[in-house]
Protein backbone atom coordinates (compact mmCIF):
# COMPACT_ATOMS: atom_id res chain seq x y z
CA MET A 1 0.00 0.00 0.00
CA ARG A 2 1.32 3.39 -0.92
CA SER A 3 0.30 6.35 1.20
CA VAL A 4 1.62 9.74 2.17
CA PHE A 5 0.91 9.00 5.84
CA ALA A 6 0.93 5.79 7.86
CA LEU A 7 -0.24 5.25 11.40
CA VAL A 8 0.00 2.12 13.50
CA VAL A 9 -1.54 1.79 16.94
CA SER A 10 -0.04 -1.06 18.89
CA GLY A 11 0.18 -2.40 22.42
CA THR A 12 3.74 -2.89 23.57
CA PRO A 13 5.97 -3.70 20.57
CA MET A 14 9.15 -2.65 22.37
CA GLU A 15 8.51 -5.30 25.03
CA ASN A 16 7.42 -7.96 22.57
CA ARG A 17 9.42 -9.89 20.01
CA ILE A 18 11.65 -7.91 17.72
CA ASP A 19 9.88 -9.50 14.71
CA GLU A 20 6.67 -7.67 15.66
CA LEU A 21 8.55 -4.41 16.06
CA TYR A 22 10.21 -4.87 12.67
CA SER A 23 6.86 -5.42 10.91
CA VAL A 24 5.33 -2.33 12.55
CA ILE A 25 8.27 -0.08 11.63
CA GLU A 26 8.45 -1.61 8.15
CA PHE A 27 4.82 -0.63 7.56
CA ILE A 28 5.49 2.96 8.63
CA ASP A 29 8.82 3.45 6.82
CA GLU A 30 10.01 0.58 4.64
CA ARG A 31 13.54 2.01 4.23
CA ARG A 32 14.30 2.77 7.88
CA LEU A 33 15.49 -0.70 8.93
CA GLY A 34 16.80 -2.24 5.73
CA PRO A 35 16.30 -5.88 4.75
CA ASP A 36 14.96 -8.14 7.48
CA PHE A 37 17.83 -10.67 7.28
CA ARG A 38 20.38 -7.93 7.96
CA PHE A 39 18.28 -6.37 10.72
CA TYR A 40 17.78 -9.69 12.53
CA ASN A 41 21.43 -10.65 12.13
CA GLN A 42 22.50 -7.35 13.66
CA HIS A 43 20.06 -7.27 16.59
CA ARG A 44 19.29 -10.89 17.56
CA VAL A 45 21.43 -13.05 19.81
CA VAL A 46 20.86 -16.63 18.65
CA GLY A 47 21.92 -19.90 20.30
CA GLU A 48 23.43 -22.95 18.59
CA GLN A 49 19.99 -24.43 17.89
CA GLY A 50 18.78 -21.19 16.28
CA LYS A 51 16.67 -20.15 19.28
CA VAL A 52 16.56 -16.41 20.01
CA LEU A 53 18.30 -15.84 23.34
CA GLY A 54 18.11 -12.05 23.45
CA TYR A 55 18.67 -8.80 21.61
CA ARG A 56 21.59 -6.41 21.28
CA TYR A 57 22.05 -2.72 20.40
CA ARG A 58 18.67 -1.76 21.83
CA ALA A 59 19.79 1.81 22.50
CA GLN A 60 20.63 2.13 18.80
CA LEU A 61 17.17 0.81 17.94
CA ARG A 62 15.46 3.32 20.24
CA GLU A 63 17.45 6.16 18.70
CA ASN A 64 16.51 5.00 15.21
CA PHE A 65 12.81 4.79 16.18
CA ASN A 66 12.58 8.13 18.04
CA PRO A 67 11.50 10.21 15.01
CA ILE A 68 8.61 7.88 14.16
CA LEU A 69 7.60 6.20 17.42
CA LEU A 70 5.46 7.81 20.10
CA ARG A 71 5.87 5.75 23.21
CA ARG A 72 3.56 6.24 26.17
CA THR A 73 4.00 4.46 29.45
CA ARG A 74 1.19 3.03 31.54
CA ALA A 75 1.89 5.66 34.22
CA SER A 76 1.43 8.55 31.79
CA VAL A 77 -1.79 7.09 30.35
CA LEU A 78 -3.30 6.41 33.79
CA LYS A 79 -3.05 10.13 34.63
CA GLU A 80 -5.55 10.86 31.85
CA LEU A 81 -8.13 8.29 32.92
CA PRO A 82 -10.98 9.05 35.32
CA PRO A 83 -10.86 7.48 38.77
CA ARG A 84 -11.86 3.86 38.87
CA SER A 85 -15.28 2.95 40.18
CA THR A 86 -16.40 -0.57 40.97
CA GLU A 87 -19.95 -1.81 40.89
CA ILE A 88 -20.72 -5.41 41.77
CA MET A 89 -23.86 -6.71 40.12
CA ARG A 90 -25.56 -9.95 41.08
CA ILE A 91 -27.38 -11.24 38.01
CA ALA A 92 -29.98 -13.98 38.32
CA PRO A 93 -29.87 -16.65 35.61
CA THR A 94 -32.62 -17.24 33.10
CA GLN A 95 -34.85 -20.24 33.73
CA GLU A 96 -33.07 -22.08 30.89
CA GLN A 97 -29.67 -21.42 32.46
CA GLU A 98 -30.88 -22.55 35.86
CA ASP A 99 -32.40 -25.76 34.43
CA MET A 100 -29.17 -26.56 32.61
CA HIS A 101 -27.10 -25.81 35.71
CA ASN A 102 -29.32 -28.00 37.88
CA SER A 103 -29.09 -30.95 35.47
CA TYR A 104 -25.28 -30.88 35.65
CA MET A 105 -25.39 -30.42 39.42
CA ARG A 106 -27.40 -33.66 39.66
CA THR A 107 -24.45 -35.40 37.96
CA VAL A 108 -22.06 -33.76 40.41
CA SER A 109 -24.23 -34.82 43.34
CA THR A 110 -24.49 -38.41 42.07
CA ILE A 111 -20.72 -38.73 41.75
CA LEU A 112 -20.00 -37.12 45.12
CA ASN A 113 -22.52 -39.33 46.91
CA LYS A 114 -20.87 -42.55 45.69
CA SER A 115 -19.01 -44.58 48.29
CA PHE A 116 -15.99 -44.83 45.98
CA PHE A 117 -14.83 -43.19 42.75
CA THR A 118 -14.11 -45.09 39.56
CA GLU A 119 -11.47 -44.09 37.03
CA MET A 120 -14.11 -42.32 34.93
CA ASP A 121 -15.69 -40.37 37.80
CA LEU A 122 -13.06 -37.63 38.03
CA PRO A 123 -13.29 -36.61 34.32
CA ARG A 124 -17.13 -36.76 34.53
CA LEU A 125 -17.08 -34.59 37.66
CA GLN A 126 -14.72 -32.06 36.07
CA LYS A 127 -16.86 -31.88 32.92
CA ALA A 128 -20.09 -31.43 34.89
CA LEU A 129 -18.56 -28.60 36.95
CA ARG A 130 -17.19 -26.96 33.80
CA MET A 131 -20.65 -27.13 32.20
CA CYS A 132 -22.16 -25.52 35.31
CA ARG A 133 -19.74 -22.60 35.02
CA MET A 134 -20.34 -22.23 31.28
CA SER A 135 -24.11 -22.36 31.62
CA ALA A 136 -23.89 -19.47 34.10
CA ASP A 137 -22.59 -17.37 31.19
CA SER A 138 -24.68 -18.69 28.30
CA THR A 139 -26.56 -21.87 27.41
CA GLN A 140 -25.06 -21.76 23.93
CA LEU A 141 -21.57 -22.31 25.38
CA VAL A 142 -22.80 -25.70 26.60
CA ASN A 143 -25.13 -26.97 23.90
CA LYS A 144 -23.59 -25.06 20.95
CA LYS A 145 -26.94 -24.25 19.39
CA PRO A 146 -29.25 -21.25 19.32
CA PRO A 147 -31.17 -19.77 20.90
CA SER A 148 -28.73 -18.55 23.47
CA TYR A 149 -30.05 -17.73 26.93
CA SER A 150 -27.85 -15.44 28.97
CA SER A 151 -28.99 -12.97 31.57
CA LYS A 152 -25.39 -11.68 31.85
CA LEU A 153 -25.23 -10.81 28.15
CA ASP A 154 -28.58 -9.03 28.36
CA VAL A 155 -27.38 -6.91 31.30
CA THR A 156 -24.04 -6.29 29.56
CA ASP A 157 -25.80 -5.06 26.41
CA ASP A 158 -27.88 -2.63 28.46
CA LEU A 159 -24.86 -1.44 30.45
CA LEU A 160 -22.73 -0.83 27.36
CA ALA A 161 -25.57 1.02 25.63
CA ARG A 162 -26.01 3.24 28.71
CA LEU A 163 -22.28 3.93 28.97
CA GLY A 164 -22.06 4.68 25.25
CA ASN A 165 -24.76 7.32 25.58
CA GLU A 166 -23.00 9.22 28.37
CA GLU A 167 -21.54 12.33 26.79
CA GLY A 168 -18.24 13.87 27.75
CA LYS A 169 -17.00 10.85 29.66
CA LYS A 170 -14.26 8.40 28.92
CA ASN A 171 -15.55 5.07 30.07
CA ARG A 172 -13.42 2.03 30.63
CA VAL A 173 -15.44 -0.99 31.60
CA VAL A 174 -13.82 -4.12 32.97
CA PHE A 175 -15.99 -7.14 33.57
CA ARG A 176 -14.99 -9.80 36.04
CA VAL A 177 -17.22 -12.83 35.99
CA ASP A 178 -17.41 -14.85 39.19
CA ASN A 179 -19.13 -18.17 38.61
CA HIS A 180 -18.00 -19.80 41.84
CA ALA A 181 -21.19 -18.90 43.64
CA GLY A 182 -23.37 -21.05 41.37
CA PRO A 183 -26.19 -19.82 39.17
CA HIS A 184 -27.58 -17.18 41.57
């Protein structure tokens, strides 16, 4: 692609592999770094088996990138964000989610009430517990077919719509799902 301007927004290329950094810089200015084989040979430290052990001449790289790379640290970005607020929401499951959860809990109960476990009981128990957790998020995660019943997704849709309509605010929403308490 030919363009007068190029812009790349990335996470943390300086902390990631040098291959990622090379591809980002190459997109912005294809002549800045030269051919990839020469670049890698100059900056990679490689072991006998060809495994990358580290990198060298990083100060030279930073100097070369300064004119084209705007680097912001987490500390500088956090200063621009509003204070964090936490709201814990207890969301009741749909009837379909609760029915699915209860059916897997019957399997759990049956296995736990046995006087001894067989070789197949542990995998069955683990699967039943995993299905309980998944059904707390959405029935479609368990049965892989529509319709999907999920009270959490419904509440999330409403919350995101409400936050999107708030003018003049920068909203950062982080969801933490806690399924350890069962379906309620």
